[in-house]
């Protein structure tokens, strides 16, 4: 008999047999995924492999055709106030308000989530994402990398138990990618669960505890990043 306390806690995110079809097209074949607090799972694959579909299901932005998706024991749904309050998403497209400055974007997020001491926290996040000198700039004057940093900053300003990121390394220079890896490692250390879709093997190896490789909506390999990359022939 196992000693009391040996049982692992239930996963924060649990997907069981989730699949997604759009008409006759099968975008995602059934798969399972468990994600614990303080851990990172990386989804790896080419465009169209099913990564973004899986992320949308995991964050409640899409509904699976089959299977179940649970966040902390409750069905994942974007209209669930608890899911909205505890799941932060960084998507693969840049969506900003053209007439709001960088700081005003973050203030809007902070107000929506009733963040305490928002002014000081926004200052911290602006510095962390190298945006302090652009706090009063409008989105149209930012580089593509700075816009990506703004999306990351908006996720950092708000409370979160699960952080879902769709190729957050895109548009970032090598230095910013290194800082991104440090950021995600810090999120894990703070107990945040991280679900990450990426094309970059180096980022997955740096931050992920587990990797799932997808191809044409099917799971083709899973395990540690080193094992999966070796199986895919990307690492010796």
C-alpha atoms as a PDB file:
ATOM      1  CA  UNK A   1       0.000   0.000   0.000  1.00  0.00           C
ATOM      2  CA  UNK A   2       1.361   3.440  -0.909  1.00  0.00           C
ATOM      3  CA  UNK A   3       2.189   5.732   1.973  1.00  0.00           C
ATOM      4  CA  UNK A   4      -0.132   8.646   2.534  1.00  0.00           C
ATOM      5  CA  UNK A   5       1.022  11.636   0.507  1.00  0.00           C
ATOM      6  CA  UNK A   6       2.708   9.576  -2.219  1.00  0.00           C
ATOM      7  CA  UNK A   7      -0.173  10.068  -4.656  1.00  0.00           C
ATOM      8  CA  UNK A   8       0.604  12.700  -7.277  1.00  0.00           C
ATOM      9  CA  UNK A   9      -1.789  15.663  -7.339  1.00  0.00           C
ATOM     10  CA  UNK A  10      -4.351  15.691 -10.149  1.00  0.00           C
ATOM     11  CA  UNK A  11      -3.196  17.541 -13.276  1.00  0.00           C
ATOM     12  CA  UNK A  12      -4.278  21.134 -13.667  1.00  0.00           C
ATOM     13  CA  UNK A  13      -5.119  20.432 -17.329  1.00  0.00           C
ATOM     14  CA  UNK A  14      -6.377  17.023 -18.416  1.00  0.00           C
ATOM     15  CA  UNK A  15      -7.273  16.199 -22.015  1.00  0.00           C
ATOM     16  CA  UNK A  16      -8.714  12.778 -22.768  1.00  0.00           C
ATOM     17  CA  UNK A  17      -9.267  11.573 -26.309  1.00  0.00           C
ATOM     18  CA  UNK A  18      -9.676  15.119 -27.620  1.00  0.00           C
ATOM     19  CA  UNK A  19     -10.154  15.431 -31.366  1.00  0.00           C
ATOM     20  CA  UNK A  20     -11.333  18.153 -33.727  1.00  0.00           C
ATOM     21  CA  UNK A  21     -12.921  17.948 -37.154  1.00  0.00           C
ATOM     22  CA  UNK A  22     -13.937  20.767 -39.483  1.00  0.00           C
ATOM     23  CA  UNK A  23     -16.431  19.190 -41.834  1.00  0.00           C
ATOM     24  CA  UNK A  24     -14.652  16.272 -43.494  1.00  0.00           C
ATOM     25  CA  UNK A  25     -11.207  17.462 -42.440  1.00  0.00           C
ATOM     26  CA  UNK A  26      -9.707  15.895 -39.315  1.00  0.00           C
ATOM     27  CA  UNK A  27      -7.562  18.648 -37.818  1.00  0.00           C
ATOM     28  CA  UNK A  28      -6.737  16.700 -34.664  1.00  0.00           C
ATOM     29  CA  UNK A  29      -6.942  12.963 -34.050  1.00  0.00           C
ATOM     30  CA  UNK A  30      -7.705  11.697 -30.520  1.00  0.00           C
ATOM     31  CA  UNK A  31      -4.949  12.253 -27.988  1.00  0.00           C
ATOM     32  CA  UNK A  32      -4.424  12.563 -24.236  1.00  0.00           C
ATOM     33  CA  UNK A  33      -2.470  15.202 -22.351  1.00  0.00           C
ATOM     34  CA  UNK A  34      -1.884  15.849 -18.642  1.00  0.00           C
ATOM     35  CA  UNK A  35      -0.228  19.057 -17.456  1.00  0.00           C
ATOM     36  CA  UNK A  36       0.771  19.580 -13.836  1.00  0.00           C
ATOM     37  CA  UNK A  37       1.321  22.880 -12.059  1.00  0.00           C
ATOM     38  CA  UNK A  38       4.921  24.021 -12.367  1.00  0.00           C
ATOM     39  CA  UNK A  39       5.589  22.006 -15.518  1.00  0.00           C
ATOM     40  CA  UNK A  40       5.858  22.702 -19.244  1.00  0.00           C
ATOM     41  CA  UNK A  41       4.709  20.614 -22.195  1.00  0.00           C
ATOM     42  CA  UNK A  42       5.884  21.659 -25.659  1.00  0.00           C
ATOM     43  CA  UNK A  43       3.928  20.880 -28.822  1.00  0.00           C
ATOM     44  CA  UNK A  44       6.267  20.451 -31.783  1.00  0.00           C
ATOM     45  CA  UNK A  45       5.480  20.204 -35.474  1.00  0.00           C
ATOM     46  CA  UNK A  46       5.138  22.000 -38.785  1.00  0.00           C
ATOM     47  CA  UNK A  47       2.376  24.467 -39.631  1.00  0.00           C
ATOM     48  CA  UNK A  48      -0.872  22.545 -40.025  1.00  0.00           C
ATOM     49  CA  UNK A  49       0.241  19.735 -37.721  1.00  0.00           C
ATOM     50  CA  UNK A  50      -2.537  20.417 -35.205  1.00  0.00           C
ATOM     51  CA  UNK A  51      -0.608  22.422 -32.597  1.00  0.00           C
ATOM     52  CA  UNK A  52      -2.795  25.525 -32.709  1.00  0.00           C
ATOM     53  CA  UNK A  53      -5.979  23.447 -32.716  1.00  0.00           C
ATOM     54  CA  UNK A  54      -4.838  21.677 -29.560  1.00  0.00           C
ATOM     55  CA  UNK A  55      -3.938  24.989 -27.901  1.00  0.00           C
ATOM     56  CA  UNK A  56      -7.364  26.450 -28.703  1.00  0.00           C
ATOM     57  CA  UNK A  57      -9.060  23.433 -27.128  1.00  0.00           C
ATOM     58  CA  UNK A  58      -6.797  23.597 -24.065  1.00  0.00           C
ATOM     59  CA  UNK A  59      -7.614  27.283 -23.514  1.00  0.00           C
ATOM     60  CA  UNK A  60     -11.343  26.973 -24.193  1.00  0.00           C
ATOM     61  CA  UNK A  61     -11.242  28.916 -27.443  1.00  0.00           C
ATOM     62  CA  UNK A  62     -12.443  25.892 -29.387  1.00  0.00           C
ATOM     63  CA  UNK A  63     -14.592  22.892 -28.503  1.00  0.00           C
ATOM     64  CA  UNK A  64     -13.366  19.363 -29.232  1.00  0.00           C
ATOM     65  CA  UNK A  65     -15.411  17.232 -31.577  1.00  0.00           C
ATOM     66  CA  UNK A  66     -14.667  14.249 -29.354  1.00  0.00           C
ATOM     67  CA  UNK A  67     -13.184  13.608 -25.927  1.00  0.00           C
ATOM     68  CA  UNK A  68     -13.016  15.866 -22.894  1.00  0.00           C
ATOM     69  CA  UNK A  69     -10.929  18.834 -21.777  1.00  0.00           C
ATOM     70  CA  UNK A  70     -10.813  19.656 -18.051  1.00  0.00           C
ATOM     71  CA  UNK A  71      -9.149  22.563 -16.286  1.00  0.00           C
ATOM     72  CA  UNK A  72      -8.794  21.968 -12.557  1.00  0.00           C
ATOM     73  CA  UNK A  73     -11.564  19.381 -12.783  1.00  0.00           C
ATOM     74  CA  UNK A  74     -14.094  21.497 -14.698  1.00  0.00           C
ATOM     75  CA  UNK A  75     -14.843  21.568 -18.427  1.00  0.00           C
ATOM     76  CA  UNK A  76     -12.668  24.053 -20.286  1.00  0.00           C
ATOM     77  CA  UNK A  77     -14.830  26.849 -21.665  1.00  0.00           C
ATOM     78  CA  UNK A  78     -13.816  30.392 -22.539  1.00  0.00           C
ATOM     79  CA  UNK A  79     -17.108  31.748 -21.171  1.00  0.00           C
ATOM     80  CA  UNK A  80     -16.389  30.204 -17.750  1.00  0.00           C
ATOM     81  CA  UNK A  81     -15.305  33.115 -15.488  1.00  0.00           C
ATOM     82  CA  UNK A  82     -12.835  30.892 -13.616  1.00  0.00           C
ATOM     83  CA  UNK A  83     -11.152  29.761 -16.826  1.00  0.00           C
ATOM     84  CA  UNK A  84     -10.912  33.372 -18.054  1.00  0.00           C
ATOM     85  CA  UNK A  85      -9.449  34.441 -14.720  1.00  0.00           C
ATOM     86  CA  UNK A  86      -6.826  31.702 -14.484  1.00  0.00           C
ATOM     87  CA  UNK A  87      -5.781  30.939 -18.084  1.00  0.00           C
ATOM     88  CA  UNK A  88      -3.578  33.431 -19.941  1.00  0.00           C
ATOM     89  CA  UNK A  89      -3.092  33.036 -23.692  1.00  0.00           C
ATOM     90  CA  UNK A  90      -0.451  34.408 -26.054  1.00  0.00           C
ATOM     91  CA  UNK A  91      -1.723  33.705 -29.560  1.00  0.00           C
ATOM     92  CA  UNK A  92       0.083  33.472 -32.882  1.00  0.00           C
ATOM     93  CA  UNK A  93      -1.338  36.741 -34.222  1.00  0.00           C
ATOM     94  CA  UNK A  94      -0.784  40.297 -33.017  1.00  0.00           C
ATOM     95  CA  UNK A  95      -4.031  42.021 -32.015  1.00  0.00           C
ATOM     96  CA  UNK A  96      -3.761  45.516 -30.551  1.00  0.00           C
ATOM     97  CA  UNK A  97      -5.786  48.717 -30.257  1.00  0.00           C
ATOM     98  CA  UNK A  98      -4.179  51.286 -32.585  1.00  0.00           C
ATOM     99  CA  UNK A  99      -5.036  54.270 -30.367  1.00  0.00           C
ATOM    100  CA  UNK A 100      -3.798  52.811 -27.065  1.00  0.00           C
ATOM    101  CA  UNK A 101      -0.181  53.129 -25.961  1.00  0.00           C
ATOM    102  CA  UNK A 102       1.817  50.143 -24.753  1.00  0.00           C
ATOM    103  CA  UNK A 103       1.187  51.120 -21.127  1.00  0.00           C
ATOM    104  CA  UNK A 104      -2.523  51.662 -21.761  1.00  0.00           C
ATOM    105  CA  UNK A 105      -2.798  48.140 -23.200  1.00  0.00           C
ATOM    106  CA  UNK A 106      -1.335  46.745 -19.993  1.00  0.00           C
ATOM    107  CA  UNK A 107      -3.501  49.000 -17.828  1.00  0.00           C
ATOM    108  CA  UNK A 108      -6.574  47.685 -19.633  1.00  0.00           C
ATOM    109  CA  UNK A 109      -5.581  44.091 -18.877  1.00  0.00           C
ATOM    110  CA  UNK A 110      -4.786  44.949 -15.252  1.00  0.00           C
ATOM    111  CA  UNK A 111      -8.165  46.628 -14.732  1.00  0.00           C
ATOM    112  CA  UNK A 112     -10.016  43.704 -16.330  1.00  0.00           C
ATOM    113  CA  UNK A 113      -8.356  41.318 -13.867  1.00  0.00           C
ATOM    114  CA  UNK A 114      -8.465  43.597 -10.805  1.00  0.00           C
ATOM    115  CA  UNK A 115      -4.686  43.502 -10.361  1.00  0.00           C
ATOM    116  CA  UNK A 116      -3.442  44.902  -7.040  1.00  0.00           C
ATOM    117  CA  UNK A 117      -0.753  47.596  -7.181  1.00  0.00           C
ATOM    118  CA  UNK A 118      -1.138  47.598 -10.951  1.00  0.00           C
ATOM    119  CA  UNK A 119       1.060  50.654 -11.576  1.00  0.00           C
ATOM    120  CA  UNK A 120       4.145  49.124  -9.974  1.00  0.00           C
ATOM    121  CA  UNK A 121       3.514  45.723 -11.549  1.00  0.00           C
ATOM    122  CA  UNK A 122       3.151  47.263 -15.013  1.00  0.00           C
ATOM    123  CA  UNK A 123       6.454  49.090 -14.505  1.00  0.00           C
ATOM    124  CA  UNK A 124       8.083  45.780 -13.621  1.00  0.00           C
ATOM    125  CA  UNK A 125       6.664  43.968 -16.657  1.00  0.00           C
ATOM    126  CA  UNK A 126       7.622  46.800 -19.026  1.00  0.00           C
ATOM    127  CA  UNK A 127      11.207  46.590 -17.785  1.00  0.00           C
ATOM    128  CA  UNK A 128      11.232  42.797 -17.918  1.00  0.00           C
ATOM    129  CA  UNK A 129      10.088  42.756 -21.543  1.00  0.00           C
ATOM    130  CA  UNK A 130      12.434  45.610 -22.577  1.00  0.00           C
ATOM    131  CA  UNK A 131       9.480  47.893 -23.300  1.00  0.00           C
ATOM    132  CA  UNK A 132      10.034  50.630 -20.699  1.00  0.00           C
ATOM    133  CA  UNK A 133      11.370  53.058 -23.316  1.00  0.00           C
ATOM    134  CA  UNK A 134       8.275  52.409 -25.465  1.00  0.00           C
ATOM    135  CA  UNK A 135       5.633  52.684 -22.730  1.00  0.00           C
ATOM    136  CA  UNK A 136       3.994  55.691 -24.387  1.00  0.00           C
ATOM    137  CA  UNK A 137       4.375  54.451 -27.970  1.00  0.00           C
ATOM    138  CA  UNK A 138       1.460  53.373 -30.132  1.00  0.00           C
ATOM    139  CA  UNK A 139       1.495  49.863 -31.640  1.00  0.00           C
ATOM    140  CA  UNK A 140       2.014  51.211 -35.151  1.00  0.00           C
ATOM    141  CA  UNK A 141       5.446  52.543 -34.207  1.00  0.00           C
ATOM    142  CA  UNK A 142       6.705  49.239 -32.746  1.00  0.00           C
ATOM    143  CA  UNK A 143       8.818  46.630 -34.480  1.00  0.00           C
ATOM    144  CA  UNK A 144       7.418  43.132 -34.947  1.00  0.00           C
ATOM    145  CA  UNK A 145       9.581  41.883 -32.074  1.00  0.00           C
ATOM    146  CA  UNK A 146       8.352  44.658 -29.785  1.00  0.00           C
ATOM    147  CA  UNK A 147       4.748  43.810 -30.661  1.00  0.00           C
ATOM    148  CA  UNK A 148       5.425  40.196 -29.708  1.00  0.00           C
ATOM    149  CA  UNK A 149       6.916  41.394 -26.429  1.00  0.00           C
ATOM    150  CA  UNK A 150       3.747  43.420 -25.824  1.00  0.00           C
ATOM    151  CA  UNK A 151       1.633  40.268 -26.190  1.00  0.00           C
ATOM    152  CA  UNK A 152       3.857  38.500 -23.660  1.00  0.00           C
ATOM    153  CA  UNK A 153       3.708  41.489 -21.326  1.00  0.00           C
ATOM    154  CA  UNK A 154      -0.095  41.473 -21.423  1.00  0.00           C
ATOM    155  CA  UNK A 155      -0.085  37.842 -20.253  1.00  0.00           C
ATOM    156  CA  UNK A 156       2.390  38.629 -17.468  1.00  0.00           C
ATOM    157  CA  UNK A 157       0.409  41.565 -16.070  1.00  0.00           C
ATOM    158  CA  UNK A 158      -2.582  39.396 -15.166  1.00  0.00           C
ATOM    159  CA  UNK A 159      -2.942  36.488 -12.700  1.00  0.00           C
ATOM    160  CA  UNK A 160      -2.508  33.028 -14.241  1.00  0.00           C
ATOM    161  CA  UNK A 161      -2.312  29.369 -13.303  1.00  0.00           C
ATOM    162  CA  UNK A 162      -2.027  28.150 -16.900  1.00  0.00           C
ATOM    163  CA  UNK A 163      -0.048  29.960 -19.596  1.00  0.00           C
ATOM    164  CA  UNK A 164      -0.799  28.909 -23.182  1.00  0.00           C
ATOM    165  CA  UNK A 165       1.569  30.170 -25.874  1.00  0.00           C
ATOM    166  CA  UNK A 166       1.409  29.674 -29.625  1.00  0.00           C
ATOM    167  CA  UNK A 167       4.923  30.040 -31.091  1.00  0.00           C
ATOM    168  CA  UNK A 168       5.900  32.931 -28.775  1.00  0.00           C
ATOM    169  CA  UNK A 169       9.441  32.943 -30.191  1.00  0.00           C
ATOM    170  CA  UNK A 170       8.302  34.191 -33.585  1.00  0.00           C
ATOM    171  CA  UNK A 171       9.480  37.713 -34.472  1.00  0.00           C
ATOM    172  CA  UNK A 172      11.946  37.713 -31.525  1.00  0.00           C
ATOM    173  CA  UNK A 173      15.690  38.182 -32.011  1.00  0.00           C
ATOM    174  CA  UNK A 174      18.152  35.689 -30.433  1.00  0.00           C
ATOM    175  CA  UNK A 175      18.581  37.776 -27.274  1.00  0.00           C
ATOM    176  CA  UNK A 176      14.833  38.079 -26.792  1.00  0.00           C
ATOM    177  CA  UNK A 177      14.473  34.329 -27.332  1.00  0.00           C
ATOM    178  CA  UNK A 178      16.949  33.669 -24.537  1.00  0.00           C
ATOM    179  CA  UNK A 179      14.995  35.995 -22.260  1.00  0.00           C
ATOM    180  CA  UNK A 180      11.807  34.179 -23.250  1.00  0.00           C
ATOM    181  CA  UNK A 181      13.329  30.866 -22.130  1.00  0.00           C
ATOM    182  CA  UNK A 182      14.322  32.465 -18.818  1.00  0.00           C
ATOM    183  CA  UNK A 183      10.800  33.855 -18.430  1.00  0.00           C
ATOM    184  CA  UNK A 184       9.149  30.480 -18.983  1.00  0.00           C
ATOM    185  CA  UNK A 185      11.553  28.806 -16.555  1.00  0.00           C
ATOM    186  CA  UNK A 186      10.582  31.432 -13.965  1.00  0.00           C
ATOM    187  CA  UNK A 187       6.883  30.822 -14.630  1.00  0.00           C
ATOM    188  CA  UNK A 188       7.378  27.111 -13.923  1.00  0.00           C
ATOM    189  CA  UNK A 189       9.287  27.919 -10.735  1.00  0.00           C
ATOM    190  CA  UNK A 190       6.305  30.019  -9.608  1.00  0.00           C
ATOM    191  CA  UNK A 191       3.992  27.028 -10.077  1.00  0.00           C
ATOM    192  CA  UNK A 192       2.437  28.087 -13.380  1.00  0.00           C
ATOM    193  CA  UNK A 193       1.629  25.317 -15.855  1.00  0.00           C
ATOM    194  CA  UNK A 194       2.948  26.151 -19.345  1.00  0.00           C
ATOM    195  CA  UNK A 195       1.627  24.732 -22.619  1.00  0.00           C
ATOM    196  CA  UNK A 196       3.800  25.852 -25.500  1.00  0.00           C
ATOM    197  CA  UNK A 197       3.650  25.345 -29.257  1.00  0.00           C
ATOM    198  CA  UNK A 198       6.973  25.983 -30.960  1.00  0.00           C
ATOM    199  CA  UNK A 199       9.033  25.347 -34.079  1.00  0.00           C
ATOM    200  CA  UNK A 200      12.254  25.913 -32.164  1.00  0.00           C
ATOM    201  CA  UNK A 201      13.867  22.785 -30.747  1.00  0.00           C
ATOM    202  CA  UNK A 202      16.250  24.845 -28.599  1.00  0.00           C
ATOM    203  CA  UNK A 203      13.388  26.575 -26.794  1.00  0.00           C
ATOM    204  CA  UNK A 204      11.604  23.277 -26.145  1.00  0.00           C
ATOM    205  CA  UNK A 205      14.786  21.702 -24.789  1.00  0.00           C
ATOM    206  CA  UNK A 206      15.433  24.709 -22.546  1.00  0.00           C
ATOM    207  CA  UNK A 207      12.041  24.862 -20.829  1.00  0.00           C
ATOM    208  CA  UNK A 208       9.880  21.787 -21.492  1.00  0.00           C
ATOM    209  CA  UNK A 209       9.649  18.733 -19.267  1.00  0.00           C
ATOM    210  CA  UNK A 210       7.698  16.867 -21.931  1.00  0.00           C
ATOM    211  CA  UNK A 211       7.268  17.170 -25.683  1.00  0.00           C
ATOM    212  CA  UNK A 212       4.473  16.038 -27.973  1.00  0.00           C
ATOM    213  CA  UNK A 213       5.250  15.912 -31.702  1.00  0.00           C
ATOM    214  CA  UNK A 214       2.318  16.221 -34.097  1.00  0.00           C
ATOM    215  CA  UNK A 215       2.025  15.581 -37.820  1.00  0.00           C
ATOM    216  CA  UNK A 216      -1.199  15.982 -39.815  1.00  0.00           C
ATOM    217  CA  UNK A 217      -3.151  16.123 -36.559  1.00  0.00           C
ATOM    218  CA  UNK A 218      -1.696  12.871 -35.220  1.00  0.00           C
ATOM    219  CA  UNK A 219       0.628  12.304 -32.294  1.00  0.00           C
ATOM    220  CA  UNK A 220       3.834  10.816 -33.735  1.00  0.00           C
ATOM    221  CA  UNK A 221       6.156  10.972 -30.714  1.00  0.00           C
ATOM    222  CA  UNK A 222       6.101  11.942 -27.055  1.00  0.00           C
ATOM    223  CA  UNK A 223       8.522  11.955 -24.156  1.00  0.00           C
ATOM    224  CA  UNK A 224      11.298  14.228 -22.986  1.00  0.00           C
ATOM    225  CA  UNK A 225      12.390  16.840 -25.541  1.00  0.00           C
ATOM    226  CA  UNK A 226      15.729  15.038 -25.998  1.00  0.00           C
ATOM    227  CA  UNK A 227      14.029  11.699 -26.657  1.00  0.00           C
ATOM    228  CA  UNK A 228      11.454  13.114 -29.060  1.00  0.00           C
ATOM    229  CA  UNK A 229      13.987  15.139 -31.030  1.00  0.00           C
ATOM    230  CA  UNK A 230      16.209  12.067 -31.290  1.00  0.00           C
ATOM    231  CA  UNK A 231      13.253   9.990 -32.506  1.00  0.00           C
ATOM    232  CA  UNK A 232      12.463  12.644 -35.117  1.00  0.00           C
ATOM    233  CA  UNK A 233      16.078  12.656 -36.275  1.00  0.00           C
ATOM    234  CA  UNK A 234      16.641  16.254 -35.207  1.00  0.00           C
ATOM    235  CA  UNK A 235      19.191  15.407 -32.530  1.00  0.00           C
ATOM    236  CA  UNK A 236      21.842  12.659 -32.634  1.00  0.00           C
END
